Structures are given as C-alpha cells and as structure tokens.
Amino acid sequence: MGEYIVILCTVPSNETGTTISDSLVGDGFAACVNMIPGLISTYRWKGEICRDGELLLVIKSRKELFSEICARIVSLHPYEVPEILSFEISSGSEQYLNWISESTPSS
C-alpha cells in the first residue's frame, strides 16, 4: 500500500496556497490539496526566533510523483527553505486510494 503519500507544506498566504494547489492538481501531480488556515508557526530562522501566521497544505498523491511535486513547490514558493514533508499512507479507503491513482497519471 506504500505507493500513496500525504505531503505537508506550509505557505504564507492564500495566494501562494492557491497557486501551488492549482498547479499540482491542474498538472496531475496531486489528486487533492486541502488548504487549512489559521496556523501559528514558531521557528528559528537565521539565529532568531520567529512567529508567523501560515496555512497548511495537505497534498494527496502517489509516492513516485514526490520529486516532481517537491520541485514544483520549490519553484512556486516564496520561502528560501519551504517545509515539504512526506508521509506514506499505510491504509485507507480502497475507493479513495483508487481515485488518487486515477487523478494522478503515471509520470
């Protein structure tokens, strides 16, 4: 079942989130991208502790597309080091996983 993944990516704005989401879904790299508002991120950047409002993208796709997804996010993201984390889906609804496959053609 390890062929499916969920990717998490934080973005600074609705505009950035929409641009990345539309690009990934529109080009068949992701079946679905949820954009969750209202995050507050606390992090260390260049020696300083920072706190910013962000949105979380939850991207559903196939493992074999991770490299292309990562490259696309990096090309569209304003951060110098965008958060891009991938997790394998260990189980899920057969219908939903089939839909992910149908929505993300082979590369």
PDB file of N, CA and C in Angstrom:
ATOM      1  N   MET A   1       0.827  -1.198   0.000  1.00  0.00           N
ATOM      2  CA  MET A   1       0.000   0.000   0.000  1.00  0.00           C
ATOM      3  C   MET A   1       0.864   1.251   0.000  1.00  0.00           C
ATOM      4  N   GLY A   2       2.186   1.137   0.124  1.00  0.00           N
ATOM      5  CA  GLY A   2       3.063   2.283   0.270  1.00  0.00           C
ATOM      6  C   GLY A   2       3.209   3.169  -0.940  1.00  0.00           C
ATOM      7  N   GLU A   3       2.354   3.009  -1.941  1.00  0.00           N
ATOM      8  CA  GLU A   3       2.506   3.851  -3.122  1.00  0.00           C
ATOM      9  C   GLU A   3       1.844   5.218  -2.974  1.00  0.00           C
ATOM     10  N   TYR A   4       1.068   5.424  -1.917  1.00  0.00           N
ATOM     11  CA  TYR A   4       0.359   6.681  -1.720  1.00  0.00           C
ATOM     12  C   TYR A   4       1.001   7.490  -0.602  1.00  0.00           C
ATOM     13  N   ILE A   5       0.985   8.820  -0.762  1.00  0.00           N
ATOM     14  CA  ILE A   5       1.607   9.698   0.225  1.00  0.00           C
ATOM     15  C   ILE A   5       0.714  10.895   0.530  1.00  0.00           C
ATOM     16  N   VAL A   6       0.959  11.458   1.701  1.00  0.00           N
ATOM     17  CA  VAL A   6       0.424  12.762   2.087  1.00  0.00           C
ATOM     18  C   VAL A   6       1.636  13.661   2.280  1.00  0.00           C
ATOM     19  N   ILE A   7       1.605  14.830   1.673  1.00  0.00           N
ATOM     20  CA  ILE A   7       2.692  15.803   1.794  1.00  0.00           C
ATOM     21  C   ILE A   7       2.149  17.013   2.542  1.00  0.00           C
ATOM     22  N   LEU A   8       2.909  17.473   3.520  1.00  0.00           N
ATOM     23  CA  LEU A   8       2.565  18.691   4.247  1.00  0.00           C
ATOM     24  C   LEU A   8       3.484  19.813   3.797  1.00  0.00           C
ATOM     25  N   CYS A   9       2.900  20.979   3.581  1.00  0.00           N
ATOM     26  CA  CYS A   9       3.670  22.148   3.158  1.00  0.00           C
ATOM     27  C   CYS A   9       2.996  23.392   3.730  1.00  0.00           C
ATOM     28  N   THR A  10       3.744  24.195   4.468  1.00  0.00           N
ATOM     29  CA  THR A  10       3.187  25.449   4.966  1.00  0.00           C
ATOM     30  C   THR A  10       3.441  26.561   3.953  1.00  0.00           C
ATOM     31  N   VAL A  11       2.491  27.494   3.887  1.00  0.00           N
ATOM     32  CA  VAL A  11       2.592  28.636   2.976  1.00  0.00           C
ATOM     33  C   VAL A  11       2.200  29.902   3.733  1.00  0.00           C
ATOM     34  N   PRO A  12       2.691  31.071   3.269  1.00  0.00           N
ATOM     35  CA  PRO A  12       2.428  32.308   3.997  1.00  0.00           C
ATOM     36  C   PRO A  12       1.083  32.961   3.704  1.00  0.00           C
ATOM     37  N   SER A  13       0.410  32.541   2.608  1.00  0.00           N
ATOM     38  CA  SER A  13      -0.801  33.264   2.208  1.00  0.00           C
ATOM     39  C   SER A  13      -1.740  32.379   1.401  1.00  0.00           C
ATOM     40  N   ASN A  14      -3.013  32.809   1.333  1.00  0.00           N
ATOM     41  CA  ASN A  14      -3.985  32.142   0.465  1.00  0.00           C
ATOM     42  C   ASN A  14      -3.517  32.147  -0.979  1.00  0.00           C
ATOM     43  N   GLU A  15      -2.944  33.262  -1.406  1.00  0.00           N
ATOM     44  CA  GLU A  15      -2.492  33.381  -2.792  1.00  0.00           C
ATOM     45  C   GLU A  15      -1.444  32.321  -3.121  1.00  0.00           C
ATOM     46  N   THR A  16      -0.436  32.186  -2.271  1.00  0.00           N
ATOM     47  CA  THR A  16       0.599  31.176  -2.509  1.00  0.00           C
ATOM     48  C   THR A  16      -0.005  29.778  -2.464  1.00  0.00           C
ATOM     49  N   GLY A  17      -0.866  29.524  -1.485  1.00  0.00           N
ATOM     50  CA  GLY A  17      -1.504  28.216  -1.374  1.00  0.00           C
ATOM     51  C   GLY A  17      -2.337  27.870  -2.592  1.00  0.00           C
ATOM     52  N   THR A  18      -3.089  28.831  -3.079  1.00  0.00           N
ATOM     53  CA  THR A  18      -3.922  28.607  -4.259  1.00  0.00           C
ATOM     54  C   THR A  18      -3.067  28.367  -5.495  1.00  0.00           C
ATOM     55  N   THR A  19      -2.004  29.132  -5.651  1.00  0.00           N
ATOM     56  CA  THR A  19      -1.110  28.957  -6.801  1.00  0.00           C
ATOM     57  C   THR A  19      -0.511  27.552  -6.811  1.00  0.00           C
ATOM     58  N   ILE A  20       0.004  27.113  -5.669  1.00  0.00           N
ATOM     59  CA  ILE A  20       0.616  25.785  -5.581  1.00  0.00           C
ATOM     60  C   ILE A  20      -0.441  24.698  -5.769  1.00  0.00           C
ATOM     61  N   SER A  21      -1.580  24.833  -5.110  1.00  0.00           N
ATOM     62  CA  SER A  21      -2.655  23.840  -5.218  1.00  0.00           C
ATOM     63  C   SER A  21      -3.136  23.693  -6.655  1.00  0.00           C
ATOM     64  N   ASP A  22      -3.423  24.817  -7.299  1.00  0.00           N
ATOM     65  CA  ASP A  22      -3.912  24.782  -8.679  1.00  0.00           C
ATOM     66  C   ASP A  22      -2.892  24.157  -9.616  1.00  0.00           C
ATOM     67  N   SER A  23      -1.626  24.451  -9.407  1.00  0.00           N
ATOM     68  CA  SER A  23      -0.573  23.899 -10.249  1.00  0.00           C
ATOM     69  C   SER A  23      -0.461  22.382 -10.072  1.00  0.00           C
ATOM     70  N   LEU A  24      -0.444  21.916  -8.824  1.00  0.00           N
ATOM     71  CA  LEU A  24      -0.288  20.482  -8.564  1.00  0.00           C
ATOM     72  C   LEU A  24      -1.484  19.673  -9.051  1.00  0.00           C
ATOM     73  N   VAL A  25      -2.685  20.142  -8.756  1.00  0.00           N
ATOM     74  CA  VAL A  25      -3.883  19.419  -9.182  1.00  0.00           C
ATOM     75  C   VAL A  25      -4.080  19.571 -10.690  1.00  0.00           C
ATOM     76  N   GLY A  26      -3.878  20.776 -11.196  1.00  0.00           N
ATOM     77  CA  GLY A  26      -4.076  21.032 -12.624  1.00  0.00           C
ATOM     78  C   GLY A  26      -3.167  20.220 -13.517  1.00  0.00           C
ATOM     79  N   ASP A  27      -1.949  19.967 -13.072  1.00  0.00           N
ATOM     80  CA  ASP A  27      -0.988  19.203 -13.875  1.00  0.00           C
ATOM     81  C   ASP A  27      -0.937  17.725 -13.500  1.00  0.00           C
ATOM     82  N   GLY A  28      -1.863  17.269 -12.662  1.00  0.00           N
ATOM     83  CA  GLY A  28      -1.973  15.851 -12.345  1.00  0.00           C
ATOM     84  C   GLY A  28      -0.940  15.313 -11.377  1.00  0.00           C
ATOM     85  N   PHE A  29      -0.262  16.197 -10.649  1.00  0.00           N
ATOM     86  CA  PHE A  29       0.708  15.730  -9.654  1.00  0.00           C
ATOM     87  C   PHE A  29       0.030  15.373  -8.334  1.00  0.00           C
ATOM     88  N   ALA A  30      -1.117  15.964  -8.050  1.00  0.00           N
ATOM     89  CA  ALA A  30      -1.855  15.694  -6.820  1.00  0.00           C
ATOM     90  C   ALA A  30      -3.324  15.471  -7.148  1.00  0.00           C
ATOM     91  N   ALA A  31      -3.943  14.562  -6.405  1.00  0.00           N
ATOM     92  CA  ALA A  31      -5.375  14.329  -6.571  1.00  0.00           C
ATOM     93  C   ALA A  31      -6.178  15.400  -5.848  1.00  0.00           C
ATOM     94  N   CYS A  32      -5.652  15.859  -4.718  1.00  0.00           N
ATOM     95  CA  CYS A  32      -6.368  16.813  -3.878  1.00  0.00           C
ATOM     96  C   CYS A  32      -5.366  17.577  -3.031  1.00  0.00           C
ATOM     97  N   VAL A  33      -5.648  18.849  -2.808  1.00  0.00           N
ATOM     98  CA  VAL A  33      -4.865  19.653  -1.867  1.00  0.00           C
ATOM     99  C   VAL A  33      -5.851  20.377  -0.960  1.00  0.00           C
ATOM    100  N   ASN A  34      -5.767  20.111   0.333  1.00  0.00           N
ATOM    101  CA  ASN A  34      -6.550  20.850   1.324  1.00  0.00           C
ATOM    102  C   ASN A  34      -5.707  22.015   1.805  1.00  0.00           C
ATOM    103  N   MET A  35      -6.333  23.169   1.972  1.00  0.00           N
ATOM    104  CA  MET A  35      -5.637  24.349   2.468  1.00  0.00           C
ATOM    105  C   MET A  35      -6.272  24.719   3.810  1.00  0.00           C
ATOM    106  N   ILE A  36      -5.509  24.531   4.884  1.00  0.00           N
ATOM    107  CA  ILE A  36      -6.018  24.740   6.236  1.00  0.00           C
ATOM    108  C   ILE A  36      -5.458  26.055   6.780  1.00  0.00           C
ATOM    109  N   PRO A  37      -6.327  27.041   7.032  1.00  0.00           N
ATOM    110  CA  PRO A  37      -5.860  28.336   7.536  1.00  0.00           C
ATOM    111  C   PRO A  37      -5.689  28.332   9.057  1.00  0.00           C
ATOM    112  N   GLY A  38      -5.107  29.401   9.556  1.00  0.00           N
ATOM    113  CA  GLY A  38      -5.094  29.655  10.986  1.00  0.00           C
ATOM    114  C   GLY A  38      -3.933  29.088  11.770  1.00  0.00           C
ATOM    115  N   LEU A  39      -2.874  28.656  11.099  1.00  0.00           N
ATOM    116  CA  LEU A  39      -1.710  28.151  11.825  1.00  0.00           C
ATOM    117  C   LEU A  39      -0.877  29.302  12.360  1.00  0.00           C
ATOM    118  N   ILE A  40      -0.269  29.089  13.497  1.00  0.00           N
ATOM    119  CA  ILE A  40       0.759  29.987  14.013  1.00  0.00           C
ATOM    120  C   ILE A  40       2.018  29.143  14.140  1.00  0.00           C
ATOM    121  N   SER A  41       3.044  29.482  13.401  1.00  0.00           N
ATOM    122  CA  SER A  41       4.294  28.726  13.425  1.00  0.00           C
ATOM    123  C   SER A  41       5.355  29.497  14.191  1.00  0.00           C
ATOM    124  N   THR A  42       6.025  28.809  15.105  1.00  0.00           N
ATOM    125  CA  THR A  42       7.156  29.357  15.841  1.00  0.00           C
ATOM    126  C   THR A  42       8.376  28.563  15.414  1.00  0.00           C
ATOM    127  N   TYR A  43       9.425  29.266  14.984  1.00  0.00           N
ATOM    128  CA  TYR A  43      10.582  28.578  14.418  1.00  0.00           C
ATOM    129  C   TYR A  43      11.828  29.435  14.582  1.00  0.00           C
ATOM    130  N   ARG A  44      12.967  28.799  14.401  1.00  0.00           N
ATOM    131  CA  ARG A  44      14.237  29.512  14.434  1.00  0.00           C
ATOM    132  C   ARG A  44      14.693  29.722  12.990  1.00  0.00           C
ATOM    133  N   TRP A  45      15.028  30.961  12.659  1.00  0.00           N
ATOM    134  CA  TRP A  45      15.496  31.282  11.314  1.00  0.00           C
ATOM    135  C   TRP A  45      16.641  32.275  11.418  1.00  0.00           C
ATOM    136  N   LYS A  46      17.785  31.870  10.901  1.00  0.00           N
ATOM    137  CA  LYS A  46      18.989  32.708  10.887  1.00  0.00           C
ATOM    138  C   LYS A  46      19.297  33.266  12.279  1.00  0.00           C
ATOM    139  N   GLY A  47      19.212  32.379  13.283  1.00  0.00           N
ATOM    140  CA  GLY A  47      19.567  32.741  14.646  1.00  0.00           C
ATOM    141  C   GLY A  47      18.493  33.447  15.445  1.00  0.00           C
ATOM    142  N   GLU A  48      17.372  33.751  14.839  1.00  0.00           N
ATOM    143  CA  GLU A  48      16.284  34.463  15.519  1.00  0.00           C
ATOM    144  C   GLU A  48      15.085  33.537  15.703  1.00  0.00           C
ATOM    145  N   ILE A  49      14.361  33.734  16.794  1.00  0.00           N
ATOM    146  CA  ILE A  49      13.095  33.029  16.976  1.00  0.00           C
ATOM    147  C   ILE A  49      12.004  33.876  16.334  1.00  0.00           C
ATOM    148  N   CYS A  50      11.255  33.248  15.427  1.00  0.00           N
ATOM    149  CA  CYS A  50      10.225  33.944  14.652  1.00  0.00           C
ATOM    150  C   CYS A  50       8.862  33.297  14.914  1.00  0.00           C
ATOM    151  N   ARG A  51       7.818  34.069  14.696  1.00  0.00           N
ATOM    152  CA  ARG A  51       6.449  33.566  14.815  1.00  0.00           C
ATOM    153  C   ARG A  51       5.633  34.220  13.706  1.00  0.00           C
ATOM    154  N   ASP A  52       4.980  33.379  12.909  1.00  0.00           N
ATOM    155  CA  ASP A  52       4.200  33.885  11.779  1.00  0.00           C
ATOM    156  C   ASP A  52       2.921  33.081  11.604  1.00  0.00           C
ATOM    157  N   GLY A  53       1.922  33.735  11.040  1.00  0.00           N
ATOM    158  CA  GLY A  53       0.711  33.050  10.623  1.00  0.00           C
ATOM    159  C   GLY A  53       0.963  32.347   9.297  1.00  0.00           C
ATOM    160  N   GLU A  54       0.469  31.137   9.168  1.00  0.00           N
ATOM    161  CA  GLU A  54       0.641  30.369   7.936  1.00  0.00           C
ATOM    162  C   GLU A  54      -0.615  29.548   7.664  1.00  0.00           C
ATOM    163  N   LEU A  55      -0.635  28.945   6.499  1.00  0.00           N
ATOM    164  CA  LEU A  55      -1.649  27.966   6.128  1.00  0.00           C
ATOM    165  C   LEU A  55      -0.927  26.653   5.877  1.00  0.00           C
ATOM    166  N   LEU A  56      -1.633  25.542   6.069  1.00  0.00           N
ATOM    167  CA  LEU A  56      -1.052  24.227   5.833  1.00  0.00           C
ATOM    168  C   LEU A  56      -1.692  23.604   4.603  1.00  0.00           C
ATOM    169  N   LEU A  57      -0.864  23.202   3.653  1.00  0.00           N
ATOM    170  CA  LEU A  57      -1.339  22.429   2.508  1.00  0.00           C
ATOM    171  C   LEU A  57      -1.188  20.953   2.849  1.00  0.00           C
ATOM    172  N   VAL A  58      -2.260  20.188   2.643  1.00  0.00           N
ATOM    173  CA  VAL A  58      -2.249  18.737   2.822  1.00  0.00           C
ATOM    174  C   VAL A  58      -2.479  18.153   1.434  1.00  0.00           C
ATOM    175  N   ILE A  59      -1.432  17.577   0.871  1.00  0.00           N
ATOM    176  CA  ILE A  59      -1.405  17.159  -0.531  1.00  0.00           C
ATOM    177  C   ILE A  59      -1.480  15.637  -0.603  1.00  0.00           C
ATOM    178  N   LYS A  60      -2.454  15.095  -1.349  1.00  0.00           N
ATOM    179  CA  LYS A  60      -2.573  13.651  -1.519  1.00  0.00           C
ATOM    180  C   LYS A  60      -2.131  13.266  -2.922  1.00  0.00           C
ATOM    181  N   SER A  61      -1.202  12.290  -2.979  1.00  0.00           N
ATOM    182  CA  SER A  61      -0.650  11.894  -4.264  1.00  0.00           C
ATOM    183  C   SER A  61      -0.070  10.485  -4.181  1.00  0.00           C
ATOM    184  N   ARG A  62       0.779  10.176  -5.163  1.00  0.00           N
ATOM    185  CA  ARG A  62       1.485   8.895  -5.221  1.00  0.00           C
ATOM    186  C   ARG A  62       2.970   9.129  -4.983  1.00  0.00           C
ATOM    187  N   LYS A  63       3.594   8.161  -4.333  1.00  0.00           N
ATOM    188  CA  LYS A  63       4.999   8.268  -3.939  1.00  0.00           C
ATOM    189  C   LYS A  63       5.908   8.561  -5.136  1.00  0.00           C
ATOM    190  N   GLU A  64       5.636   7.954  -6.272  1.00  0.00           N
ATOM    191  CA  GLU A  64       6.504   8.129  -7.436  1.00  0.00           C
ATOM    192  C   GLU A  64       6.508   9.569  -7.966  1.00  0.00           C
ATOM    193  N   LEU A  65       5.542  10.382  -7.555  1.00  0.00           N
ATOM    194  CA  LEU A  65       5.467  11.766  -8.019  1.00  0.00           C
ATOM    195  C   LEU A  65       6.113  12.758  -7.053  1.00  0.00           C
ATOM    196  N   PHE A  66       6.668  12.263  -5.939  1.00  0.00           N
ATOM    197  CA  PHE A  66       7.195  13.166  -4.915  1.00  0.00           C
ATOM    198  C   PHE A  66       8.256  14.118  -5.460  1.00  0.00           C
ATOM    199  N   SER A  67       9.195  13.637  -6.243  1.00  0.00           N
ATOM    200  CA  SER A  67      10.269  14.511  -6.756  1.00  0.00           C
ATOM    201  C   SER A  67       9.711  15.656  -7.586  1.00  0.00           C
ATOM    202  N   GLU A  68       8.745  15.348  -8.455  1.00  0.00           N
ATOM    203  CA  GLU A  68       8.138  16.391  -9.280  1.00  0.00           C
ATOM    204  C   GLU A  68       7.340  17.373  -8.425  1.00  0.00           C
ATOM    205  N   ILE A  69       6.625  16.853  -7.433  1.00  0.00           N
ATOM    206  CA  ILE A  69       5.854  17.721  -6.542  1.00  0.00           C
ATOM    207  C   ILE A  69       6.786  18.647  -5.776  1.00  0.00           C
ATOM    208  N   CYS A  70       7.851  18.089  -5.237  1.00  0.00           N
ATOM    209  CA  CYS A  70       8.825  18.881  -4.479  1.00  0.00           C
ATOM    210  C   CYS A  70       9.412  19.990  -5.353  1.00  0.00           C
ATOM    211  N   ALA A  71       9.822  19.651  -6.564  1.00  0.00           N
ATOM    212  CA  ALA A  71      10.398  20.647  -7.474  1.00  0.00           C
ATOM    213  C   ALA A  71       9.385  21.739  -7.806  1.00  0.00           C
ATOM    214  N   ARG A  72       8.126  21.360  -8.016  1.00  0.00           N
ATOM    215  CA  ARG A  72       7.086  22.336  -8.341  1.00  0.00           C
ATOM    216  C   ARG A  72       6.855  23.279  -7.165  1.00  0.00           C
ATOM    217  N   ILE A  73       6.758  22.722  -5.959  1.00  0.00           N
ATOM    218  CA  ILE A  73       6.556  23.567  -4.782  1.00  0.00           C
ATOM    219  C   ILE A  73       7.705  24.556  -4.641  1.00  0.00           C
ATOM    220  N   VAL A  74       8.935  24.072  -4.738  1.00  0.00           N
ATOM    221  CA  VAL A  74      10.110  24.942  -4.597  1.00  0.00           C
ATOM    222  C   VAL A  74      10.077  26.058  -5.637  1.00  0.00           C
ATOM    223  N   SER A  75       9.649  25.747  -6.862  1.00  0.00           N
ATOM    224  CA  SER A  75       9.638  26.765  -7.927  1.00  0.00           C
ATOM    225  C   SER A  75       8.574  27.838  -7.709  1.00  0.00           C
ATOM    226  N   LEU A  76       7.522  27.527  -6.956  1.00  0.00           N
ATOM    227  CA  LEU A  76       6.410  28.466  -6.763  1.00  0.00           C
ATOM    228  C   LEU A  76       6.369  29.105  -5.376  1.00  0.00           C
ATOM    229  N   HIS A  77       7.175  28.614  -4.465  1.00  0.00           N
ATOM    230  CA  HIS A  77       7.108  29.012  -3.057  1.00  0.00           C
ATOM    231  C   HIS A  77       8.022  30.201  -2.782  1.00  0.00           C
ATOM    232  N   PRO A  78       7.561  31.183  -1.998  1.00  0.00           N
ATOM    233  CA  PRO A  78       8.403  32.348  -1.714  1.00  0.00           C
ATOM    234  C   PRO A  78       9.469  32.110  -0.641  1.00  0.00           C
ATOM    235  N   TYR A  79       9.345  31.038   0.140  1.00  0.00           N
ATOM    236  CA  TYR A  79      10.321  30.794   1.205  1.00  0.00           C
ATOM    237  C   TYR A  79      11.642  30.286   0.634  1.00  0.00           C
ATOM    238  N   GLU A  80      12.727  30.678   1.267  1.00  0.00           N
ATOM    239  CA  GLU A  80      14.053  30.181   0.900  1.00  0.00           C
ATOM    240  C   GLU A  80      14.150  28.672   1.149  1.00  0.00           C
ATOM    241  N   VAL A  81      13.533  28.211   2.237  1.00  0.00           N
ATOM    242  CA  VAL A  81      13.523  26.787   2.590  1.00  0.00           C
ATOM    243  C   VAL A  81      12.082  26.393   2.938  1.00  0.00           C
ATOM    244  N   PRO A  82      11.274  26.041   1.933  1.00  0.00           N
ATOM    245  CA  PRO A  82       9.893  25.667   2.238  1.00  0.00           C
ATOM    246  C   PRO A  82       9.820  24.327   2.977  1.00  0.00           C
ATOM    247  N   GLU A  83       8.842  24.226   3.858  1.00  0.00           N
ATOM    248  CA  GLU A  83       8.582  22.953   4.544  1.00  0.00           C
ATOM    249  C   GLU A  83       7.892  22.014   3.567  1.00  0.00           C
ATOM    250  N   ILE A  84       8.519  20.880   3.288  1.00  0.00           N
ATOM    251  CA  ILE A  84       7.933  19.854   2.434  1.00  0.00           C
ATOM    252  C   ILE A  84       8.225  18.518   3.110  1.00  0.00           C
ATOM    253  N   LEU A  85       7.202  17.923   3.717  1.00  0.00           N
ATOM    254  CA  LEU A  85       7.349  16.660   4.432  1.00  0.00           C
ATOM    255  C   LEU A  85       6.387  15.643   3.841  1.00  0.00           C
ATOM    256  N   SER A  86       6.867  14.426   3.609  1.00  0.00           N
ATOM    257  CA  SER A  86       6.053  13.378   3.008  1.00  0.00           C
ATOM    258  C   SER A  86       5.880  12.212   3.978  1.00  0.00           C
ATOM    259  N   PHE A  87       4.663  11.674   4.016  1.00  0.00           N
ATOM    260  CA  PHE A  87       4.338  10.520   4.852  1.00  0.00           C
ATOM    261  C   PHE A  87       3.628   9.481   3.998  1.00  0.00           C
ATOM    262  N   GLU A  88       4.037   8.222   4.120  1.00  0.00           N
ATOM    263  CA  GLU A  88       3.348   7.156   3.404  1.00  0.00           C
ATOM    264  C   GLU A  88       1.995   6.891   4.054  1.00  0.00           C
ATOM    265  N   ILE A  89       1.009   6.621   3.225  1.00  0.00           N
ATOM    266  CA  ILE A  89      -0.314   6.230   3.702  1.00  0.00           C
ATOM    267  C   ILE A  89      -0.279   4.719   3.907  1.00  0.00           C
ATOM    268  N   SER A  90      -0.450   4.270   5.140  1.00  0.00           N
ATOM    269  CA  SER A  90      -0.356   2.835   5.432  1.00  0.00           C
ATOM    270  C   SER A  90      -1.651   2.094   5.111  1.00  0.00           C
ATOM    271  N   SER A  91      -2.776   2.790   5.159  1.00  0.00           N
ATOM    272  CA  SER A  91      -4.051   2.185   4.788  1.00  0.00           C
ATOM    273  C   SER A  91      -5.056   3.295   4.526  1.00  0.00           C
ATOM    274  N   GLY A  92      -6.115   2.935   3.821  1.00  0.00           N
ATOM    275  CA  GLY A  92      -7.144   3.915   3.506  1.00  0.00           C
ATOM    276  C   GLY A  92      -8.270   3.260   2.733  1.00  0.00           C
ATOM    277  N   SER A  93      -9.325   3.997   2.524  1.00  0.00           N
ATOM    278  CA  SER A  93     -10.456   3.511   1.742  1.00  0.00           C
ATOM    279  C   SER A  93      -9.978   3.112   0.347  1.00  0.00           C
ATOM    280  N   GLU A  94     -10.329   1.907  -0.068  1.00  0.00           N
ATOM    281  CA  GLU A  94      -9.918   1.431  -1.393  1.00  0.00           C
ATOM    282  C   GLU A  94     -10.415   2.376  -2.488  1.00  0.00           C
ATOM    283  N   GLN A  95     -11.644   2.861  -2.348  1.00  0.00           N
ATOM    284  CA  GLN A  95     -12.202   3.768  -3.351  1.00  0.00           C
ATOM    285  C   GLN A  95     -11.411   5.072  -3.412  1.00  0.00           C
ATOM    286  N   TYR A  96     -11.038   5.597  -2.244  1.00  0.00           N
ATOM    287  CA  TYR A  96     -10.288   6.859  -2.215  1.00  0.00           C
ATOM    288  C   TYR A  96      -8.900   6.675  -2.807  1.00  0.00           C
ATOM    289  N   LEU A  97      -8.221   5.592  -2.447  1.00  0.00           N
ATOM    290  CA  LEU A  97      -6.881   5.348  -2.984  1.00  0.00           C
ATOM    291  C   LEU A  97      -6.934   5.124  -4.493  1.00  0.00           C
ATOM    292  N   ASN A  98      -7.956   4.421  -4.973  1.00  0.00           N
ATOM    293  CA  ASN A  98      -8.126   4.255  -6.421  1.00  0.00           C
ATOM    294  C   ASN A  98      -8.336   5.603  -7.093  1.00  0.00           C
ATOM    295  N   TRP A  99      -9.097   6.484  -6.447  1.00  0.00           N
ATOM    296  CA  TRP A  99      -9.332   7.823  -7.001  1.00  0.00           C
ATOM    297  C   TRP A  99      -8.023   8.608  -7.088  1.00  0.00           C
ATOM    298  N   ILE A 100      -7.158   8.491  -6.074  1.00  0.00           N
ATOM    299  CA  ILE A 100      -5.846   9.147  -6.145  1.00  0.00           C
ATOM    300  C   ILE A 100      -5.097   8.654  -7.377  1.00  0.00           C
ATOM    301  N   SER A 101      -5.086   7.335  -7.597  1.00  0.00           N
ATOM    302  CA  SER A 101      -4.393   6.781  -8.768  1.00  0.00           C
ATOM    303  C   SER A 101      -4.972   7.314 -10.069  1.00  0.00           C
ATOM    304  N   GLU A 102      -6.296   7.331 -10.163  1.00  0.00           N
ATOM    305  CA  GLU A 102      -6.955   7.810 -11.384  1.00  0.00           C
ATOM    306  C   GLU A 102      -6.699   9.293 -11.631  1.00  0.00           C
ATOM    307  N   SER A 103      -6.533  10.056 -10.562  1.00  0.00           N
ATOM    308  CA  SER A 103      -6.365  11.512 -10.674  1.00  0.00           C
ATOM    309  C   SER A 103      -4.926  11.946 -10.895  1.00  0.00           C
ATOM    310  N   THR A 104      -3.987  11.017 -10.753  1.00  0.00           N
ATOM    311  CA  THR A 104      -2.561  11.336 -10.902  1.00  0.00           C
ATOM    312  C   THR A 104      -1.941  10.359 -11.890  1.00  0.00           C
ATOM    313  N   PRO A 105      -2.021  10.652 -13.184  1.00  0.00           N
ATOM    314  CA  PRO A 105      -1.489   9.729 -14.191  1.00  0.00           C
ATOM    315  C   PRO A 105      -0.014   9.415 -13.946  1.00  0.00           C
ATOM    316  N   SER A 106       0.410   8.270 -14.415  1.00  0.00           N
ATOM    317  CA  SER A 106       1.817   7.876 -14.257  1.00  0.00           C
ATOM    318  C   SER A 106       2.734   8.869 -14.928  1.00  0.00           C
ATOM    319  N   SER A 107       3.895   9.065 -14.282  1.00  0.00           N
ATOM    320  CA  SER A 107       4.873  10.024 -14.826  1.00  0.00           C
ATOM    321  C   SER A 107       5.685   9.384 -15.919  1.00  0.00           C
TER     322      SER A 107
END
